[in-house]
Protein backbone atom coordinates (compact mmCIF):
# COMPACT_ATOMS: atom_id res chain seq x y z
CA UNK A 1 124.75 73.24 59.69
CA UNK A 2 122.74 72.75 62.89
CA UNK A 3 125.76 71.97 65.08
CA UNK A 4 127.95 74.76 63.70
CA UNK A 5 124.96 77.11 63.89
CA UNK A 6 124.36 76.38 67.58
CA UNK A 7 128.10 76.72 68.26
CA UNK A 8 128.11 80.17 66.64
CA UNK A 9 124.97 81.11 68.59
CA UNK A 10 126.85 80.31 71.82
CA UNK A 11 129.66 82.55 70.59
CA UNK A 12 127.19 85.41 70.09
CA UNK A 13 126.12 85.10 73.73
CA UNK A 14 129.73 85.49 74.92
CA UNK A 15 130.51 88.23 72.40
CA UNK A 16 127.50 90.37 73.25
CA UNK A 17 128.23 89.89 76.96
CA UNK A 18 131.83 91.09 76.64
CA UNK A 19 130.90 94.01 74.40
CA UNK A 20 128.11 95.09 76.75
CA UNK A 21 130.85 96.08 79.20
CA UNK A 22 131.10 99.36 77.24
CA UNK A 23 127.89 100.44 78.96
CA UNK A 24 129.72 100.58 82.28
CA UNK A 25 130.82 103.97 80.96
CA UNK A 26 127.30 105.31 81.47
CA UNK A 27 126.76 107.65 84.41
CA UNK A 28 124.29 105.29 86.11
CA UNK A 29 127.10 102.75 86.54
CA UNK A 30 130.50 104.39 86.71
CA UNK A 31 131.12 107.74 84.96
CA UNK A 32 134.88 107.38 85.49
CA UNK A 33 135.13 103.97 83.84
CA UNK A 34 136.22 105.27 80.38
CA UNK A 35 136.15 101.77 78.94
CA UNK A 36 138.32 100.13 81.62
CA UNK A 37 135.92 97.23 82.24
CA UNK A 38 135.60 96.53 78.51
CA UNK A 39 139.36 96.76 77.96
CA UNK A 40 140.03 94.36 80.82
CA UNK A 41 137.45 91.89 79.49
CA UNK A 42 138.89 92.15 75.96
CA UNK A 43 142.41 91.69 77.35
CA UNK A 44 141.36 88.52 79.16
CA UNK A 45 139.80 87.13 75.97
CA UNK A 46 142.95 87.89 74.00
CA UNK A 47 145.54 86.72 76.54
CA UNK A 48 144.00 83.47 77.83
CA UNK A 49 145.46 80.39 76.14
CA UNK A 50 142.18 78.53 76.56
CA UNK A 51 140.25 81.32 74.84
CA UNK A 52 142.82 81.50 72.03
CA UNK A 53 142.43 77.75 71.41
CA UNK A 54 138.64 78.16 71.37
CA UNK A 55 139.14 81.07 68.96
CA UNK A 56 140.76 78.70 66.46
CA UNK A 57 137.74 76.42 66.77
CA UNK A 58 135.50 79.45 66.25
CA UNK A 59 137.16 80.32 62.94
CA UNK A 60 136.88 76.69 61.85
CA UNK A 61 133.20 76.75 62.84
CA UNK A 62 132.65 79.90 60.76
CA UNK A 63 134.36 78.39 57.72
CA UNK A 64 132.43 75.10 57.95
CA UNK A 65 129.13 76.92 58.43
CA UNK A 66 129.77 79.23 55.47
CA UNK A 67 130.91 76.45 53.13
CA UNK A 68 128.02 74.17 54.15
CA UNK A 69 125.57 77.03 53.66
CA UNK A 70 126.68 77.68 50.09
CA UNK A 71 126.78 73.95 49.28
CA UNK A 72 123.20 73.52 50.50
CA UNK A 73 122.09 76.61 48.59
CA UNK A 74 123.55 75.22 45.35
CA UNK A 75 122.06 71.77 45.99
CA UNK A 76 118.61 73.20 46.66
CA UNK A 77 118.69 75.22 43.45
CA UNK A 78 119.82 72.24 41.39
CA UNK A 79 117.14 69.90 42.71
CA UNK A 80 114.39 71.93 41.15
CA UNK A 81 115.32 73.98 38.12
CA UNK A 82 111.69 74.79 37.28
CA UNK A 83 109.60 76.81 39.71
CA UNK A 84 106.07 75.97 40.81
CA UNK A 85 103.25 77.13 38.53
CA UNK A 86 101.31 78.48 41.51
CA UNK A 87 103.31 80.85 43.65
CA UNK A 88 102.77 80.23 47.37
CA UNK A 89 104.46 83.41 48.51
CA UNK A 90 104.98 83.18 52.27
CA UNK A 91 102.19 80.62 52.81
CA UNK A 92 104.53 77.65 52.56
CA UNK A 93 107.49 79.26 54.34
CA UNK A 94 108.72 82.68 55.39
CA UNK A 95 110.72 84.87 53.05
CA UNK A 96 113.72 84.88 55.36
CA UNK A 97 113.83 81.07 55.50
CA UNK A 98 114.03 81.13 51.70
CA UNK A 99 116.70 83.85 51.76
CA UNK A 100 119.25 82.29 54.12
CA UNK A 101 121.86 82.29 51.34
CA UNK A 102 121.44 86.03 50.75
CA UNK A 103 121.36 86.84 54.47
CA UNK A 104 124.41 84.64 55.03
CA UNK A 105 126.29 86.48 52.26
CA UNK A 106 125.48 89.85 53.84
CA UNK A 107 126.72 88.51 57.18
CA UNK A 108 129.92 87.24 55.54
CA UNK A 109 130.63 90.71 54.13
CA UNK A 110 129.85 92.21 57.53
CA UNK A 111 132.17 89.70 59.22
CA UNK A 112 135.05 90.64 56.90
CA UNK A 113 134.52 94.33 57.72
CA UNK A 114 134.25 93.64 61.45
CA UNK A 115 137.44 91.54 61.52
CA UNK A 116 139.34 94.22 59.58
CA UNK A 117 138.22 96.89 62.06
CA UNK A 118 139.06 95.09 65.30
CA UNK A 119 140.56 91.60 65.13
CA UNK A 120 143.28 92.34 62.54
CA UNK A 121 144.68 95.47 64.25
CA UNK A 122 144.43 93.74 67.63
CA UNK A 123 145.97 90.37 66.79
CA UNK A 124 147.96 90.77 63.56
CA UNK A 125 149.11 94.31 62.70
CA UNK A 126 149.14 95.49 66.35
CA UNK A 127 147.96 98.92 65.19
CA UNK A 128 145.68 99.79 68.07
CA UNK A 129 145.81 102.89 70.30
CA UNK A 130 148.75 102.85 72.70
CA UNK A 131 148.70 100.39 75.55
CA UNK A 132 147.23 101.71 78.77
CA UNK A 133 148.13 100.84 82.32
CA UNK A 134 145.41 100.11 84.85
CA UNK A 135 146.56 100.34 88.48
CA UNK A 136 146.78 96.88 89.95
CA UNK A 137 146.53 95.31 86.50
CA UNK A 138 148.61 94.67 83.36
CA UNK A 139 149.31 96.95 80.40
CA UNK A 140 146.54 96.36 77.88
CA UNK A 141 145.40 97.53 74.45
CA UNK A 142 142.92 100.38 74.51
CA UNK A 143 140.35 98.60 72.35
CA UNK A 144 137.63 100.87 73.71
CA UNK A 145 139.28 103.87 72.04
CA UNK A 146 139.42 101.90 68.81
CA UNK A 147 135.65 101.36 69.00
CA UNK A 148 135.04 105.04 69.64
CA UNK A 149 137.28 105.94 66.70
CA UNK A 150 135.66 103.51 64.24
CA UNK A 151 132.11 104.41 65.20
CA UNK A 152 132.49 108.13 64.59
CA UNK A 153 131.96 107.36 60.88
CA UNK A 154 128.23 107.39 60.21
CA UNK A 155 128.53 105.15 57.14
CA UNK A 156 130.31 102.48 59.13
CA UNK A 157 127.60 102.74 61.80
CA UNK A 158 124.92 102.32 59.11
CA UNK A 159 126.69 99.25 57.69
CA UNK A 160 126.94 97.73 61.18
CA UNK A 161 123.23 98.30 61.76
CA UNK A 162 122.43 96.65 58.41
CA UNK A 163 124.65 93.73 59.44
CA UNK A 164 122.76 93.40 62.73
CA UNK A 165 119.41 93.46 60.93
CA UNK A 166 120.66 90.70 58.62
CA UNK A 167 121.78 88.74 61.68
CA UNK A 168 118.33 89.09 63.24
CA UNK A 169 116.57 87.66 60.17
CA UNK A 170 119.19 84.91 59.82
CA UNK A 171 118.73 83.87 63.46
CA UNK A 172 114.96 84.06 63.26
CA UNK A 173 114.98 80.99 61.03
CA UNK A 174 118.33 79.42 61.95
CA UNK A 175 117.75 79.22 65.72
CA UNK A 176 114.66 77.02 65.67
CA UNK A 177 115.71 75.22 62.48
CA UNK A 178 118.87 73.97 64.20
CA UNK A 179 116.85 72.25 66.92
CA UNK A 180 114.45 70.78 64.36
CA UNK A 181 117.39 69.39 62.38
CA UNK A 182 118.71 67.71 65.50
CA UNK A 183 115.39 65.93 65.98
CA UNK A 184 113.25 68.21 68.15
CA UNK A 185 109.71 67.71 66.78
CA UNK A 186 107.66 67.66 69.98
CA UNK A 187 105.05 70.42 69.56
CA UNK A 188 105.26 71.45 73.21
CA UNK A 189 109.01 72.01 73.20
CA UNK A 190 109.29 73.34 69.66
CA UNK A 191 106.91 76.13 70.74
CA UNK A 192 109.29 77.03 73.58
CA UNK A 193 112.27 76.93 71.19
CA UNK A 194 110.45 79.19 68.70
CA UNK A 195 109.65 81.72 71.41
CA UNK A 196 113.23 81.64 72.74
CA UNK A 197 114.49 81.99 69.17
CA UNK A 198 112.36 85.08 68.52
CA UNK A 199 113.52 86.73 71.76
CA UNK A 200 117.17 85.85 71.06
CA UNK A 201 116.94 86.96 67.41
CA UNK A 202 115.66 90.38 68.45
CA UNK A 203 117.56 91.01 71.69
CA UNK A 204 121.12 90.04 70.67
CA UNK A 205 121.23 91.89 67.30
CA UNK A 206 119.55 94.89 68.97
CA UNK A 207 122.27 95.04 71.64
CA UNK A 208 124.95 94.76 68.96
CA UNK A 209 123.33 97.51 66.87
CA UNK A 210 123.02 99.84 69.87
CA UNK A 211 126.80 99.74 70.46
CA UNK A 212 127.90 101.66 67.33
CA UNK A 213 124.80 103.88 67.59
CA UNK A 214 125.61 104.72 71.23
CA UNK A 215 129.18 105.67 70.40
CA UNK A 216 128.23 107.69 67.33
CA UNK A 217 125.55 109.59 69.26
CA UNK A 218 127.92 110.22 72.16
CA UNK A 219 125.93 108.27 74.72
CA UNK A 220 128.98 106.07 75.39
CA UNK A 221 132.63 106.99 74.92
CA UNK A 222 134.96 109.87 75.46
CA UNK A 223 132.66 112.32 73.70
CA UNK A 224 129.65 111.96 75.99
């Protein structure tokens, strides 16, 4: 769980970095961008053989992490069928550390929705907006337009925000727990890991959540 968790955390860093290219559309950067930087970055990720091989490993990592998570959840419930007589509440551990199974399930549902919105039409059905030509570059899918289209539905935006909130709580425990599992018990360094985990758990999901909100509100996209 720790190794697959850290692998998926590294994926989040890359994913949020690529997706943040949509903000190049803002006036303070390049008002004429219209998603070109994001489309080029997405094209590179989809056309590079190295990235495609890593993508296979990513899916395997997701599957292993999900299966291991449910197995551990079942094992933990079986080990103690009778609850404690005195309820500790959050004194013994935080509510989100006790709810990793629930948070993981919400993230799984979110992942299915996210894949159906972008990965499936991009890689399988090929039902994205028409290819666009960028002078000096190749013909590429207009994935930016797909994002704008999807995030004009307020209910989808709400579901994405809920997914990002679930991710934040999941990371808040999972980030530092991964390092503990791998043997980091030094109080000096575990404090640094906890602080880094809190910052990461807030910043990355916040950036992800701002993307659908920005497009729905018209701050980014063809409607701004």
